[in-house]
Structures are given as C-alpha cells and as structure tokens.
Amino acid sequence: YQDFSADIPADYQRICKMLYYLWMLHSITLLLNLLA
C-alpha cells in the first residue's frame, strides 16, 4: 500500500517521491544495461 498524501507528512512528501523516482531510475538503468 502506497499513498504519499495519506501516509507521509507534507514536509517529507517531496523527499519520499524523489527517492521513489530514484528507484525507478535505478530500475531503468538496469534495464538499459541488460539491453547494452
């Protein structure tokens, strides 16, 4: 279950979302490494 607006305080929502995007970037990097 993931809901930034319901679980994360407003002061830390931006940080938590950026870390989520960092994980997505990590996964995309591994996919590009596989294609390479």
All heavy atoms as atom14 arrays in JSON, in Angstrom:
{
  "sequence": "YQDFSADIPADYQRICKMLYYLWMLHSITLLLNLLA",
  "atom14_mask": [
    [1, 1, 1, 1, 1, 1, 1, 1, 1, 1, 1, 1, 0, 0],
    [1, 1, 1, 1, 1, 1, 1, 1, 1, 0, 0, 0, 0, 0],
    [1, 1, 1, 1, 1, 1, 1, 1, 0, 0, 0, 0, 0, 0],
    [1, 1, 1, 1, 1, 1, 1, 1, 1, 1, 1, 0, 0, 0],
    [1, 1, 1, 1, 1, 1, 0, 0, 0, 0, 0, 0, 0, 0],
    [1, 1, 1, 1, 1, 0, 0, 0, 0, 0, 0, 0, 0, 0],
    [1, 1, 1, 1, 1, 1, 1, 1, 0, 0, 0, 0, 0, 0],
    [1, 1, 1, 1, 1, 1, 1, 1, 0, 0, 0, 0, 0, 0],
    [1, 1, 1, 1, 1, 1, 1, 0, 0, 0, 0, 0, 0, 0],
    [1, 1, 1, 1, 1, 0, 0, 0, 0, 0, 0, 0, 0, 0],
    [1, 1, 1, 1, 1, 1, 1, 1, 0, 0, 0, 0, 0, 0],
    [1, 1, 1, 1, 1, 1, 1, 1, 1, 1, 1, 1, 0, 0],
    [1, 1, 1, 1, 1, 1, 1, 1, 1, 0, 0, 0, 0, 0],
    [1, 1, 1, 1, 1, 1, 1, 1, 1, 1, 1, 0, 0, 0],
    [1, 1, 1, 1, 1, 1, 1, 1, 0, 0, 0, 0, 0, 0],
    [1, 1, 1, 1, 1, 1, 0, 0, 0, 0, 0, 0, 0, 0],
    [1, 1, 1, 1, 1, 1, 1, 1, 1, 0, 0, 0, 0, 0],
    [1, 1, 1, 1, 1, 1, 1, 1, 0, 0, 0, 0, 0, 0],
    [1, 1, 1, 1, 1, 1, 1, 1, 0, 0, 0, 0, 0, 0],
    [1, 1, 1, 1, 1, 1, 1, 1, 1, 1, 1, 1, 0, 0],
    [1, 1, 1, 1, 1, 1, 1, 1, 1, 1, 1, 1, 0, 0],
    [1, 1, 1, 1, 1, 1, 1, 1, 0, 0, 0, 0, 0, 0],
    [1, 1, 1, 1, 1, 1, 1, 1, 1, 1, 1, 1, 1, 1],
    [1, 1, 1, 1, 1, 1, 1, 1, 0, 0, 0, 0, 0, 0],
    [1, 1, 1, 1, 1, 1, 1, 1, 0, 0, 0, 0, 0, 0],
    [1, 1, 1, 1, 1, 1, 1, 1, 1, 1, 0, 0, 0, 0],
    [1, 1, 1, 1, 1, 1, 0, 0, 0, 0, 0, 0, 0, 0],
    [1, 1, 1, 1, 1, 1, 1, 1, 0, 0, 0, 0, 0, 0],
    [1, 1, 1, 1, 1, 1, 1, 0, 0, 0, 0, 0, 0, 0],
    [1, 1, 1, 1, 1, 1, 1, 1, 0, 0, 0, 0, 0, 0],
    [1, 1, 1, 1, 1, 1, 1, 1, 0, 0, 0, 0, 0, 0],
    [1, 1, 1, 1, 1, 1, 1, 1, 0, 0, 0, 0, 0, 0],
    [1, 1, 1, 1, 1, 1, 1, 1, 0, 0, 0, 0, 0, 0],
    [1, 1, 1, 1, 1, 1, 1, 1, 0, 0, 0, 0, 0, 0],
    [1, 1, 1, 1, 1, 1, 1, 1, 0, 0, 0, 0, 0, 0],
    [1, 1, 1, 1, 1, 0, 0, 0, 0, 0, 0, 0, 0, 0]
  ],
  "atom14_positions": [
    [[0.86, -1.19, 0.0], [0.0, 0.0, 0.0], [0.89, 1.23, 0.0], [1.8, 1.37, 0.83], [-0.91, 0.02, 1.22], [-1.78, 1.25, 1.3], [-2.94, 1.36, 0.55], [-1.42, 2.32, 2.13], [-3.72, 2.5, 0.62], [-2.2, 3.45, 2.21], [-3.35, 3.53, 1.45], [-4.12, 4.66, 1.51], [0.0, 0.0, 0.0], [0.0, 0.0, 0.0]],
    [[0.63, 2.13, -0.93], [1.45, 3.33, -1.06], [0.57, 4.52, -1.39], [-0.15, 4.51, -2.39], [2.5, 3.13, -2.16], [3.4, 4.33, -2.39], [4.52, 4.02, -3.34], [5.46, 3.32, -3.0], [4.43, 4.53, -4.57], [0.0, 0.0, 0.0], [0.0, 0.0, 0.0], [0.0, 0.0, 0.0], [0.0, 0.0, 0.0], [0.0, 0.0, 0.0]],
    [[0.61, 5.51, -0.52], [-0.15, 6.74, -0.72], [0.61, 7.86, -0.02], [0.6, 7.97, 1.21], [-1.56, 6.6, -0.15], [-2.45, 7.76, -0.54], [-1.94, 8.73, -1.15], [-3.66, 7.72, -0.24], [0.0, 0.0, 0.0], [0.0, 0.0, 0.0], [0.0, 0.0, 0.0], [0.0, 0.0, 0.0], [0.0, 0.0, 0.0], [0.0, 0.0, 0.0]],
    [[1.29, 8.66, -0.8], [2.12, 9.72, -0.22], [1.3, 10.74, 0.55], [1.69, 11.19, 1.63], [2.92, 10.42, -1.32], [3.9, 9.52, -2.01], [3.65, 9.03, -3.28], [5.08, 9.15, -1.4], [4.54, 8.2, -3.92], [5.99, 8.32, -2.03], [5.72, 7.84, -3.29], [0.0, 0.0, 0.0], [0.0, 0.0, 0.0], [0.0, 0.0, 0.0]],
    [[0.16, 11.11, 0.02], [-0.65, 12.14, 0.68], [-1.27, 11.66, 1.98], [-1.52, 12.46, 2.89], [-1.75, 12.61, -0.27], [-2.6, 11.53, -0.63], [0.0, 0.0, 0.0], [0.0, 0.0, 0.0], [0.0, 0.0, 0.0], [0.0, 0.0, 0.0], [0.0, 0.0, 0.0], [0.0, 0.0, 0.0], [0.0, 0.0, 0.0], [0.0, 0.0, 0.0]],
    [[-1.52, 10.35, 2.11], [-2.16, 9.82, 3.32], [-1.15, 9.36, 4.37], [-1.41, 9.49, 5.57], [-3.08, 8.65, 2.96], [0.0, 0.0, 0.0], [0.0, 0.0, 0.0], [0.0, 0.0, 0.0], [0.0, 0.0, 0.0], [0.0, 0.0, 0.0], [0.0, 0.0, 0.0], [0.0, 0.0, 0.0], [0.0, 0.0, 0.0], [0.0, 0.0, 0.0]],
    [[-0.01, 8.84, 3.94], [0.95, 8.26, 4.88], [2.09, 9.2, 5.26], [2.56, 9.17, 6.39], [1.55, 6.97, 4.29], [0.54, 5.85, 4.23], [-0.49, 5.94, 4.93], [0.76, 4.87, 3.48], [0.0, 0.0, 0.0], [0.0, 0.0, 0.0], [0.0, 0.0, 0.0], [0.0, 0.0, 0.0], [0.0, 0.0, 0.0], [0.0, 0.0, 0.0]],
    [[2.54, 9.98, 4.32], [3.75, 10.78, 4.53], [3.35, 12.2, 4.94], [2.45, 12.8, 4.32], [4.61, 10.81, 3.26], [4.84, 9.39, 2.75], [5.94, 11.5, 3.53], [5.53, 8.47, 3.74], [0.0, 0.0, 0.0], [0.0, 0.0, 0.0], [0.0, 0.0, 0.0], [0.0, 0.0, 0.0], [0.0, 0.0, 0.0], [0.0, 0.0, 0.0]],
    [[3.99, 12.77, 5.96], [3.71, 14.17, 6.31], [4.04, 15.1, 5.14], [4.87, 14.79, 4.28], [4.62, 14.43, 7.51], [4.88, 13.08, 8.09], [4.89, 12.14, 6.94], [0.0, 0.0, 0.0], [0.0, 0.0, 0.0], [0.0, 0.0, 0.0], [0.0, 0.0, 0.0], [0.0, 0.0, 0.0], [0.0, 0.0, 0.0], [0.0, 0.0, 0.0]],
    [[3.38, 16.23, 5.12], [3.53, 17.15, 3.99], [4.96, 17.65, 3.84], [5.42, 17.91, 2.71], [2.57, 18.33, 4.16], [0.0, 0.0, 0.0], [0.0, 0.0, 0.0], [0.0, 0.0, 0.0], [0.0, 0.0, 0.0], [0.0, 0.0, 0.0], [0.0, 0.0, 0.0], [0.0, 0.0, 0.0], [0.0, 0.0, 0.0], [0.0, 0.0, 0.0]],
    [[5.7, 17.77, 4.93], [7.07, 18.28, 4.85], [8.02, 17.3, 4.18], [9.09, 17.71, 3.68], [7.6, 18.6, 6.26], [6.79, 19.71, 6.91], [6.16, 20.49, 6.17], [6.78, 19.78, 8.15], [0.0, 0.0, 0.0], [0.0, 0.0, 0.0], [0.0, 0.0, 0.0], [0.0, 0.0, 0.0], [0.0, 0.0, 0.0], [0.0, 0.0, 0.0]],
    [[7.68, 16.0, 4.16], [8.58, 14.98, 3.63], [8.05, 14.29, 2.38], [8.66, 13.33, 1.9], [8.85, 13.92, 4.71], [9.37, 14.48, 5.99], [8.58, 14.51, 7.13], [10.66, 14.99, 6.08], [9.04, 15.03, 8.32], [11.14, 15.52, 7.27], [10.32, 15.54, 8.38], [10.8, 16.06, 9.56], [0.0, 0.0, 0.0], [0.0, 0.0, 0.0]],
    [[6.93, 14.75, 1.87], [6.37, 14.11, 0.68], [7.28, 14.28, -0.53], [7.48, 13.34, -1.31], [4.98, 14.66, 0.39], [3.92, 14.23, 1.4], [2.55, 14.76, 1.07], [2.34, 15.35, 0.0], [1.61, 14.58, 1.98], [0.0, 0.0, 0.0], [0.0, 0.0, 0.0], [0.0, 0.0, 0.0], [0.0, 0.0, 0.0], [0.0, 0.0, 0.0]],
    [[7.86, 15.45, -0.68], [8.73, 15.69, -1.83], [9.97, 14.79, -1.78], [10.36, 14.19, -2.78], [9.16, 17.16, -1.86], [10.13, 17.49, -3.0], [10.5, 18.97, -3.0], [11.51, 19.26, -4.02], [12.8, 19.14, -3.85], [13.27, 18.72, -2.66], [13.66, 19.42, -4.82], [0.0, 0.0, 0.0], [0.0, 0.0, 0.0], [0.0, 0.0, 0.0]],
    [[10.57, 14.66, -0.59], [11.75, 13.82, -0.45], [11.41, 12.36, -0.76], [12.14, 11.66, -1.47], [12.34, 13.95, 0.97], [12.74, 15.4, 1.24], [13.51, 13.01, 1.17], [13.22, 15.64, 2.66], [0.0, 0.0, 0.0], [0.0, 0.0, 0.0], [0.0, 0.0, 0.0], [0.0, 0.0, 0.0], [0.0, 0.0, 0.0], [0.0, 0.0, 0.0]],
    [[10.28, 11.89, -0.22], [9.9, 10.5, -0.43], [9.6, 10.22, -1.9], [9.97, 9.18, -2.44], [8.68, 10.17, 0.44], [8.34, 8.41, 0.59], [0.0, 0.0, 0.0], [0.0, 0.0, 0.0], [0.0, 0.0, 0.0], [0.0, 0.0, 0.0], [0.0, 0.0, 0.0], [0.0, 0.0, 0.0], [0.0, 0.0, 0.0], [0.0, 0.0, 0.0]],
    [[8.97, 11.17, -2.57], [8.69, 10.99, -4.01], [9.98, 10.98, -4.82], [10.12, 10.19, -5.77], [7.76, 12.11, -4.5], [6.33, 11.99, -4.0], [5.48, 13.12, -4.53], [4.05, 13.02, -4.03], [3.19, 14.13, -4.54], [0.0, 0.0, 0.0], [0.0, 0.0, 0.0], [0.0, 0.0, 0.0], [0.0, 0.0, 0.0], [0.0, 0.0, 0.0]],
    [[10.94, 11.83, -4.46], [12.2, 11.85, -5.17], [12.96, 10.53, -5.0], [13.58, 10.02, -5.94], [13.06, 13.02, -4.7], [12.49, 14.39, -5.06], [12.41, 14.65, -6.86], [14.16, 14.69, -7.26], [0.0, 0.0, 0.0], [0.0, 0.0, 0.0], [0.0, 0.0, 0.0], [0.0, 0.0, 0.0], [0.0, 0.0, 0.0], [0.0, 0.0, 0.0]],
    [[12.9, 9.94, -3.83], [13.52, 8.63, -3.64], [12.8, 7.54, -4.42], [13.44, 6.6, -4.91], [13.53, 8.29, -2.14], [14.49, 9.11, -1.28], [14.24, 8.84, 0.19], [15.93, 8.79, -1.65], [0.0, 0.0, 0.0], [0.0, 0.0, 0.0], [0.0, 0.0, 0.0], [0.0, 0.0, 0.0], [0.0, 0.0, 0.0], [0.0, 0.0, 0.0]],
    [[11.51, 7.68, -4.54], [10.77, 6.73, -5.38], [11.19, 6.88, -6.83], [11.38, 5.86, -7.55], [9.27, 6.97, -5.21], [8.4, 6.1, -6.06], [8.38, 4.72, -5.88], [7.59, 6.65, -7.06], [7.57, 3.91, -6.67], [6.78, 5.85, -7.84], [6.77, 4.48, -7.64], [5.97, 3.67, -8.43], [0.0, 0.0, 0.0], [0.0, 0.0, 0.0]],
    [[11.35, 8.11, -7.31], [11.82, 8.32, -8.68], [13.25, 7.81, -8.85], [13.61, 7.32, -9.93], [11.74, 9.8, -9.04], [10.33, 10.36, -9.0], [10.1, 11.71, -8.68], [9.23, 9.55, -9.26], [8.81, 12.22, -8.64], [7.95, 10.06, -9.21], [7.74, 11.38, -8.9], [6.47, 11.89, -8.85], [0.0, 0.0, 0.0], [0.0, 0.0, 0.0]],
    [[14.06, 7.92, -7.8], [15.43, 7.4, -7.87], [15.41, 5.88, -8.01], [16.22, 5.31, -8.76], [16.19, 7.8, -6.61], [17.64, 7.31, -6.52], [18.48, 7.86, -7.68], [18.26, 7.7, -5.19], [0.0, 0.0, 0.0], [0.0, 0.0, 0.0], [0.0, 0.0, 0.0], [0.0, 0.0, 0.0], [0.0, 0.0, 0.0], [0.0, 0.0, 0.0]],
    [[14.5, 5.22, -7.33], [14.39, 3.76, -7.5], [13.95, 3.42, -8.92], [14.46, 2.46, -9.52], [13.39, 3.19, -6.5], [13.09, 1.75, -6.76], [13.85, 0.67, -6.41], [11.96, 1.23, -7.49], [13.28, -0.48, -6.87], [12.12, -0.17, -7.53], [10.86, 1.8, -8.1], [11.18, -1.0, -8.15], [9.94, 0.98, -8.73], [10.1, -0.4, -8.75]],
    [[13.03, 4.19, -9.47], [12.61, 3.95, -10.85], [13.78, 4.17, -11.81], [13.97, 3.39, -12.77], [11.44, 4.87, -11.2], [10.18, 4.59, -10.4], [8.82, 5.73, -10.78], [8.5, 5.31, -12.48], [0.0, 0.0, 0.0], [0.0, 0.0, 0.0], [0.0, 0.0, 0.0], [0.0, 0.0, 0.0], [0.0, 0.0, 0.0], [0.0, 0.0, 0.0]],
    [[14.59, 5.21, -11.57], [15.77, 5.44, -12.4], [16.76, 4.29, -12.29], [17.36, 3.87, -13.28], [16.42, 6.75, -11.98], [17.72, 7.13, -12.73], [17.45, 7.31, -14.22], [18.33, 8.4, -12.13], [0.0, 0.0, 0.0], [0.0, 0.0, 0.0], [0.0, 0.0, 0.0], [0.0, 0.0, 0.0], [0.0, 0.0, 0.0], [0.0, 0.0, 0.0]],
    [[16.92, 3.76, -11.09], [17.79, 2.59, -10.89], [17.3, 1.4, -11.7], [18.1, 0.69, -12.35], [17.85, 2.27, -9.4], [18.49, 0.95, -9.08], [17.75, -0.17, -8.77], [19.79, 0.57, -9.03], [18.57, -1.18, -8.53], [19.81, -0.75, -8.68], [0.0, 0.0, 0.0], [0.0, 0.0, 0.0], [0.0, 0.0, 0.0], [0.0, 0.0, 0.0]],
    [[16.0, 1.15, -11.68], [15.45, 0.03, -12.44], [15.63, 0.23, -13.94], [15.97, -0.71, -14.68], [13.97, -0.16, -12.09], [13.79, -0.35, -10.7], [0.0, 0.0, 0.0], [0.0, 0.0, 0.0], [0.0, 0.0, 0.0], [0.0, 0.0, 0.0], [0.0, 0.0, 0.0], [0.0, 0.0, 0.0], [0.0, 0.0, 0.0], [0.0, 0.0, 0.0]],
    [[15.41, 1.46, -14.41], [15.58, 1.74, -15.84], [17.05, 1.57, -16.24], [17.36, 1.06, -17.33], [15.07, 3.16, -16.16], [13.56, 3.23, -15.95], [15.43, 3.54, -17.58], [12.99, 4.63, -16.06], [0.0, 0.0, 0.0], [0.0, 0.0, 0.0], [0.0, 0.0, 0.0], [0.0, 0.0, 0.0], [0.0, 0.0, 0.0], [0.0, 0.0, 0.0]],
    [[17.97, 1.97, -15.35], [19.4, 1.8, -15.64], [19.76, 0.33, -15.79], [20.53, -0.06, -16.69], [20.24, 2.46, -14.55], [19.86, 3.82, -14.4], [21.72, 2.38, -14.87], [0.0, 0.0, 0.0], [0.0, 0.0, 0.0], [0.0, 0.0, 0.0], [0.0, 0.0, 0.0], [0.0, 0.0, 0.0], [0.0, 0.0, 0.0], [0.0, 0.0, 0.0]],
    [[19.23, -0.52, -14.91], [19.49, -1.95, -15.02], [18.9, -2.52, -16.31], [19.49, -3.4, -16.95], [18.91, -2.68, -13.81], [19.61, -2.42, -12.47], [18.87, -3.14, -11.35], [21.06, -2.88, -12.52], [0.0, 0.0, 0.0], [0.0, 0.0, 0.0], [0.0, 0.0, 0.0], [0.0, 0.0, 0.0], [0.0, 0.0, 0.0], [0.0, 0.0, 0.0]],
    [[17.74, -2.01, -16.72], [17.15, -2.47, -17.98], [18.02, -2.05, -19.17], [18.25, -2.84, -20.11], [15.74, -1.91, -18.11], [14.99, -2.28, -19.4], [14.82, -3.79, -19.53], [13.63, -1.59, -19.44], [0.0, 0.0, 0.0], [0.0, 0.0, 0.0], [0.0, 0.0, 0.0], [0.0, 0.0, 0.0], [0.0, 0.0, 0.0], [0.0, 0.0, 0.0]],
    [[18.51, -0.81, -19.13], [19.39, -0.35, -20.22], [20.69, -1.15, -20.23], [21.24, -1.44, -21.31], [19.67, 1.14, -20.06], [18.45, 2.07, -20.24], [18.86, 3.52, -19.98], [17.87, 1.93, -21.65], [0.0, 0.0, 0.0], [0.0, 0.0, 0.0], [0.0, 0.0, 0.0], [0.0, 0.0, 0.0], [0.0, 0.0, 0.0], [0.0, 0.0, 0.0]],
    [[21.19, -1.48, -19.06], [22.39, -2.32, -19.0], [22.13, -3.69, -19.62], [23.0, -4.24, -20.32], [22.84, -2.47, -17.55], [24.07, -3.33, -17.39], [25.17, -2.96, -17.79], [23.89, -4.51, -16.82], [0.0, 0.0, 0.0], [0.0, 0.0, 0.0], [0.0, 0.0, 0.0], [0.0, 0.0, 0.0], [0.0, 0.0, 0.0], [0.0, 0.0, 0.0]],
    [[20.94, -4.23, -19.38], [20.59, -5.52, -20.0], [20.56, -5.4, -21.52], [21.08, -6.27, -22.25], [19.24, -5.99, -19.44], [18.75, -7.39, -19.79], [17.83, -7.9, -18.7], [17.99, -7.42, -21.13], [0.0, 0.0, 0.0], [0.0, 0.0, 0.0], [0.0, 0.0, 0.0], [0.0, 0.0, 0.0], [0.0, 0.0, 0.0], [0.0, 0.0, 0.0]],
    [[19.97, -4.32, -22.03], [19.9, -4.14, -23.48], [21.3, -3.93, -24.08], [21.61, -4.42, -25.18], [18.99, -2.96, -23.8], [17.51, -3.13, -23.38], [16.73, -1.86, -23.69], [16.88, -4.33, -24.09], [0.0, 0.0, 0.0], [0.0, 0.0, 0.0], [0.0, 0.0, 0.0], [0.0, 0.0, 0.0], [0.0, 0.0, 0.0], [0.0, 0.0, 0.0]],
    [[22.15, -3.2, -23.34], [23.51, -2.98, -23.83], [24.29, -4.28, -23.88], [25.02, -4.55, -24.85], [24.21, -1.96, -22.95], [0.0, 0.0, 0.0], [0.0, 0.0, 0.0], [0.0, 0.0, 0.0], [0.0, 0.0, 0.0], [0.0, 0.0, 0.0], [0.0, 0.0, 0.0], [0.0, 0.0, 0.0], [0.0, 0.0, 0.0], [0.0, 0.0, 0.0]]
  ]
}
